[in-house]
Amino acid sequence: MIKDRGTIKWTAMMLPEHVQSLKDALVDEQRIEKPLLDEQAIEEFELIICEAMDSNETLNIEVFDNGFTNIIQGTVHYINTMKSQIILQDDKGYFHHIPFKHLVNIQPE
């Protein structure tokens, strides 16, 4: 009977560059394209933002960033129309400058 180490014997042949390229390929595979928003969704976002700003309500804002989406939770501090961005303050007091073009979804908490 042949005693074989299985896949363990092949791991020594993997260079660090190969391992890194496999990890990068896995990350690239999980990337998504930016969702397109219609005018109705944009108007709904504007309404939600204005209501939340008036009542100082916490929002969950889904932001598109380099192929992935992140959720930022906080209150709307200011809307900068000149730079087309929302300034959101999270519960730790940090300010996030979110461009309008990166918005994917907005939900009140």
C-alpha atoms as a PDB file:
ATOM      1  CA  MET A   1       0.000   0.000   0.000  1.00  0.00           C
ATOM      2  CA  ILE A   2       1.297   3.446  -0.962  1.00  0.00           C
ATOM      3  CA  LYS A   3       1.334   6.050   1.781  1.00  0.00           C
ATOM      4  CA  ASP A   4       0.707   9.444   0.253  1.00  0.00           C
ATOM      5  CA  ARG A   5       0.547  12.839   1.928  1.00  0.00           C
ATOM      6  CA  GLY A   6      -2.246  13.963  -0.392  1.00  0.00           C
ATOM      7  CA  THR A   7      -2.422  17.686  -1.029  1.00  0.00           C
ATOM      8  CA  ILE A   8       0.090  18.496   1.693  1.00  0.00           C
ATOM      9  CA  LYS A   9       2.989  17.654  -0.626  1.00  0.00           C
ATOM     10  CA  TRP A  10       1.834  20.310  -3.149  1.00  0.00           C
ATOM     11  CA  THR A  11       1.553  23.209  -0.718  1.00  0.00           C
ATOM     12  CA  ALA A  12       5.326  23.594  -0.532  1.00  0.00           C
ATOM     13  CA  MET A  13       5.398  24.274  -4.279  1.00  0.00           C
ATOM     14  CA  MET A  14       3.109  27.312  -3.980  1.00  0.00           C
ATOM     15  CA  LEU A  15       5.088  30.544  -4.048  1.00  0.00           C
ATOM     16  CA  PRO A  16       3.756  33.495  -2.051  1.00  0.00           C
ATOM     17  CA  GLU A  17       3.066  35.285  -5.348  1.00  0.00           C
ATOM     18  CA  HIS A  18       0.857  32.397  -6.445  1.00  0.00           C
ATOM     19  CA  VAL A  19      -1.061  32.403  -3.178  1.00  0.00           C
ATOM     20  CA  GLN A  20      -1.592  36.170  -3.448  1.00  0.00           C
ATOM     21  CA  SER A  21      -2.786  35.909  -7.048  1.00  0.00           C
ATOM     22  CA  LEU A  22      -5.283  33.208  -6.051  1.00  0.00           C
ATOM     23  CA  LYS A  23      -6.605  35.434  -3.247  1.00  0.00           C
ATOM     24  CA  ASP A  24      -6.874  38.390  -5.650  1.00  0.00           C
ATOM     25  CA  ALA A  25      -8.738  36.235  -8.164  1.00  0.00           C
ATOM     26  CA  LEU A  26     -11.206  35.186  -5.452  1.00  0.00           C
ATOM     27  CA  VAL A  27     -11.811  38.831  -4.484  1.00  0.00           C
ATOM     28  CA  ASP A  28     -12.259  39.848  -8.140  1.00  0.00           C
ATOM     29  CA  GLU A  29     -14.798  37.061  -8.575  1.00  0.00           C
ATOM     30  CA  GLN A  30     -16.923  38.462  -5.737  1.00  0.00           C
ATOM     31  CA  ARG A  31     -17.062  42.014  -7.166  1.00  0.00           C
ATOM     32  CA  ILE A  32     -20.381  43.306  -8.480  1.00  0.00           C
ATOM     33  CA  GLU A  33     -21.298  45.990 -10.985  1.00  0.00           C
ATOM     34  CA  LYS A  34     -22.784  49.244  -9.750  1.00  0.00           C
ATOM     35  CA  PRO A  35     -26.580  49.012  -9.725  1.00  0.00           C
ATOM     36  CA  LEU A  36     -28.363  51.575 -11.883  1.00  0.00           C
ATOM     37  CA  LEU A  37     -31.003  53.689 -10.168  1.00  0.00           C
ATOM     38  CA  ASP A  38     -34.125  54.948 -11.873  1.00  0.00           C
ATOM     39  CA  GLU A  39     -35.612  58.383 -11.255  1.00  0.00           C
ATOM     40  CA  GLN A  40     -38.288  57.038  -8.927  1.00  0.00           C
ATOM     41  CA  ALA A  41     -35.649  55.521  -6.623  1.00  0.00           C
ATOM     42  CA  ILE A  42     -33.678  58.770  -6.612  1.00  0.00           C
ATOM     43  CA  GLU A  43     -36.799  60.766  -5.690  1.00  0.00           C
ATOM     44  CA  GLU A  44     -37.568  58.284  -2.918  1.00  0.00           C
ATOM     45  CA  PHE A  45     -34.002  58.664  -1.580  1.00  0.00           C
ATOM     46  CA  GLU A  46     -34.404  62.458  -1.577  1.00  0.00           C
ATOM     47  CA  LEU A  47     -37.657  62.185   0.368  1.00  0.00           C
ATOM     48  CA  ILE A  48     -36.169  59.780   2.930  1.00  0.00           C
ATOM     49  CA  ILE A  49     -33.102  62.003   3.381  1.00  0.00           C
ATOM     50  CA  CYS A  50     -35.174  65.168   3.874  1.00  0.00           C
ATOM     51  CA  GLU A  51     -37.491  63.501   6.383  1.00  0.00           C
ATOM     52  CA  ALA A  52     -34.559  62.009   8.288  1.00  0.00           C
ATOM     53  CA  MET A  53     -32.782  65.351   8.367  1.00  0.00           C
ATOM     54  CA  ASP A  54     -35.878  67.111   9.743  1.00  0.00           C
ATOM     55  CA  SER A  55     -36.517  64.530  12.458  1.00  0.00           C
ATOM     56  CA  ASN A  56     -32.832  63.710  13.158  1.00  0.00           C
ATOM     57  CA  GLU A  57     -33.550  60.062  12.330  1.00  0.00           C
ATOM     58  CA  THR A  58     -30.856  57.410  11.869  1.00  0.00           C
ATOM     59  CA  LEU A  59     -30.432  56.028   8.344  1.00  0.00           C
ATOM     60  CA  ASN A  60     -28.810  52.908   6.934  1.00  0.00           C
ATOM     61  CA  ILE A  61     -27.130  53.996   3.702  1.00  0.00           C
ATOM     62  CA  GLU A  62     -25.782  51.363   1.338  1.00  0.00           C
ATOM     63  CA  VAL A  63     -22.791  52.738  -0.567  1.00  0.00           C
ATOM     64  CA  PHE A  64     -21.064  51.295  -3.642  1.00  0.00           C
ATOM     65  CA  ASP A  65     -17.282  51.245  -3.257  1.00  0.00           C
ATOM     66  CA  ASN A  66     -14.934  49.642  -5.798  1.00  0.00           C
ATOM     67  CA  GLY A  67     -17.108  46.643  -6.653  1.00  0.00           C
ATOM     68  CA  PHE A  68     -18.539  46.075  -3.175  1.00  0.00           C
ATOM     69  CA  THR A  69     -21.313  47.616  -1.102  1.00  0.00           C
ATOM     70  CA  ASN A  70     -20.914  48.886   2.455  1.00  0.00           C
ATOM     71  CA  ILE A  71     -23.624  49.956   4.874  1.00  0.00           C
ATOM     72  CA  ILE A  72     -23.019  53.158   6.821  1.00  0.00           C
ATOM     73  CA  GLN A  73     -25.368  53.965   9.675  1.00  0.00           C
ATOM     74  CA  GLY A  74     -25.826  57.479  10.988  1.00  0.00           C
ATOM     75  CA  THR A  75     -27.726  60.746  10.917  1.00  0.00           C
ATOM     76  CA  VAL A  76     -27.680  63.253   8.080  1.00  0.00           C
ATOM     77  CA  HIS A  77     -25.582  66.203   9.227  1.00  0.00           C
ATOM     78  CA  TYR A  78     -25.529  68.220   6.012  1.00  0.00           C
ATOM     79  CA  ILE A  79     -26.312  67.945   2.299  1.00  0.00           C
ATOM     80  CA  ASN A  80     -23.649  69.592   0.142  1.00  0.00           C
ATOM     81  CA  THR A  81     -25.284  70.296  -3.198  1.00  0.00           C
ATOM     82  CA  MET A  82     -22.174  72.003  -4.615  1.00  0.00           C
ATOM     83  CA  LYS A  83     -20.107  68.809  -4.248  1.00  0.00           C
ATOM     84  CA  SER A  84     -23.137  66.490  -4.678  1.00  0.00           C
ATOM     85  CA  GLN A  85     -22.610  64.641  -1.443  1.00  0.00           C
ATOM     86  CA  ILE A  86     -24.232  63.804   1.878  1.00  0.00           C
ATOM     87  CA  ILE A  87     -22.339  64.317   5.115  1.00  0.00           C
ATOM     88  CA  LEU A  88     -23.402  61.588   7.513  1.00  0.00           C
ATOM     89  CA  GLN A  89     -22.449  61.455  11.194  1.00  0.00           C
ATOM     90  CA  ASP A  90     -22.217  57.985  12.702  1.00  0.00           C
ATOM     91  CA  ASP A  91     -22.812  57.046  16.350  1.00  0.00           C
ATOM     92  CA  LYS A  92     -19.093  57.471  17.195  1.00  0.00           C
ATOM     93  CA  GLY A  93     -19.113  61.062  15.961  1.00  0.00           C
ATOM     94  CA  TYR A  94     -17.197  60.464  12.714  1.00  0.00           C
ATOM     95  CA  PHE A  95     -18.318  62.227   9.553  1.00  0.00           C
ATOM     96  CA  HIS A  96     -18.659  60.319   6.259  1.00  0.00           C
ATOM     97  CA  HIS A  97     -18.758  62.242   2.979  1.00  0.00           C
ATOM     98  CA  ILE A  98     -20.859  60.127   0.613  1.00  0.00           C
ATOM     99  CA  PRO A  99     -21.177  61.211  -3.038  1.00  0.00           C
ATOM    100  CA  PHE A 100     -24.674  60.945  -4.498  1.00  0.00           C
ATOM    101  CA  LYS A 101     -23.387  58.785  -7.353  1.00  0.00           C
ATOM    102  CA  HIS A 102     -22.242  56.082  -4.874  1.00  0.00           C
ATOM    103  CA  LEU A 103     -25.657  55.636  -3.224  1.00  0.00           C
ATOM    104  CA  VAL A 104     -27.269  52.237  -3.727  1.00  0.00           C
ATOM    105  CA  ASN A 105     -30.022  52.113  -1.104  1.00  0.00           C
ATOM    106  CA  ILE A 106     -31.284  54.173   1.841  1.00  0.00           C
ATOM    107  CA  GLN A 107     -33.427  52.740   4.639  1.00  0.00           C
ATOM    108  CA  PRO A 108     -34.596  54.484   7.807  1.00  0.00           C
ATOM    109  CA  GLU A 109     -33.764  52.546  10.925  1.00  0.00           C
END
